[in-house]
Amino acid sequence: MRCPAPRDPDLPVELAERLATDPDSTVRHAVADHPNLPVHVRRVLLADSSEWVEQAR
């Protein structure tokens, strides 16, 4: 259920932030380019431990 959430263009900022810190790299990858993701969270994802998430941006 967490992976499809980033497909929602109206995803609330708070939920996007929570998904960006999800333990599952698939979820972090899915939310990495969401337009509602704050810049400071995008920066954190650029340094993600998963190279796959890192490159999603």
Protein backbone atom coordinates (compact mmCIF):
# COMPACT_ATOMS: atom_id res chain seq x y z
CA MET A 1 0.00 0.00 0.00
CA ARG A 2 2.90 2.38 0.66
CA CYS A 3 4.45 1.99 -2.80
CA PRO A 4 1.41 3.19 -4.82
CA ALA A 5 0.86 6.22 -2.54
CA PRO A 6 3.44 8.40 -4.35
CA ARG A 7 1.42 8.07 -7.56
CA ASP A 8 -1.19 10.36 -5.99
CA PRO A 9 -0.43 13.92 -7.19
CA ASP A 10 -2.25 15.25 -4.11
CA LEU A 11 -0.16 13.26 -1.64
CA PRO A 12 0.12 15.39 1.51
CA VAL A 13 3.59 16.74 2.26
CA GLU A 14 3.61 15.07 5.69
CA LEU A 15 2.92 11.66 4.18
CA ALA A 16 5.54 12.17 1.46
CA GLU A 17 8.09 12.96 4.16
CA ARG A 18 7.18 9.81 6.11
CA LEU A 19 7.43 7.67 2.99
CA ALA A 20 10.87 9.13 2.25
CA THR A 21 12.13 7.63 5.51
CA ASP A 22 10.47 4.24 5.05
CA PRO A 23 12.73 1.27 5.83
CA ASP A 24 11.84 -0.26 2.45
CA SER A 25 14.03 1.18 -0.32
CA THR A 26 11.27 0.47 -2.86
CA VAL A 27 9.02 2.96 -1.06
CA ARG A 28 11.78 5.57 -0.79
CA HIS A 29 12.52 5.15 -4.49
CA ALA A 30 8.85 5.57 -5.38
CA VAL A 31 8.52 8.85 -3.49
CA ALA A 32 11.93 10.32 -4.41
CA ASP A 33 10.68 12.43 -7.31
CA HIS A 34 7.26 13.37 -5.95
CA PRO A 35 6.53 17.09 -6.46
CA ASN A 36 5.25 17.50 -2.87
CA LEU A 37 8.50 16.28 -1.35
CA PRO A 38 10.28 19.16 0.42
CA VAL A 39 13.77 20.10 -0.74
CA HIS A 40 15.42 19.16 2.56
CA VAL A 41 13.99 15.63 2.25
CA ARG A 42 15.18 15.37 -1.37
CA ARG A 43 18.68 16.19 -0.19
CA VAL A 44 18.54 13.37 2.34
CA LEU A 45 17.46 10.95 -0.38
CA LEU A 46 20.46 11.99 -2.48
CA ALA A 47 22.63 10.46 0.24
CA ASP A 48 20.45 7.37 0.72
CA SER A 49 22.21 4.14 1.58
CA SER A 50 20.56 2.52 -1.43
CA GLU A 51 22.17 3.55 -4.71
CA TRP A 52 18.85 2.81 -6.43
CA VAL A 53 17.08 5.44 -4.28
CA GLU A 54 19.96 7.85 -4.68
CA GLN A 55 19.64 7.71 -8.47
CA ALA A 56 15.85 8.13 -8.46
CA ARG A 57 16.27 11.86 -8.10
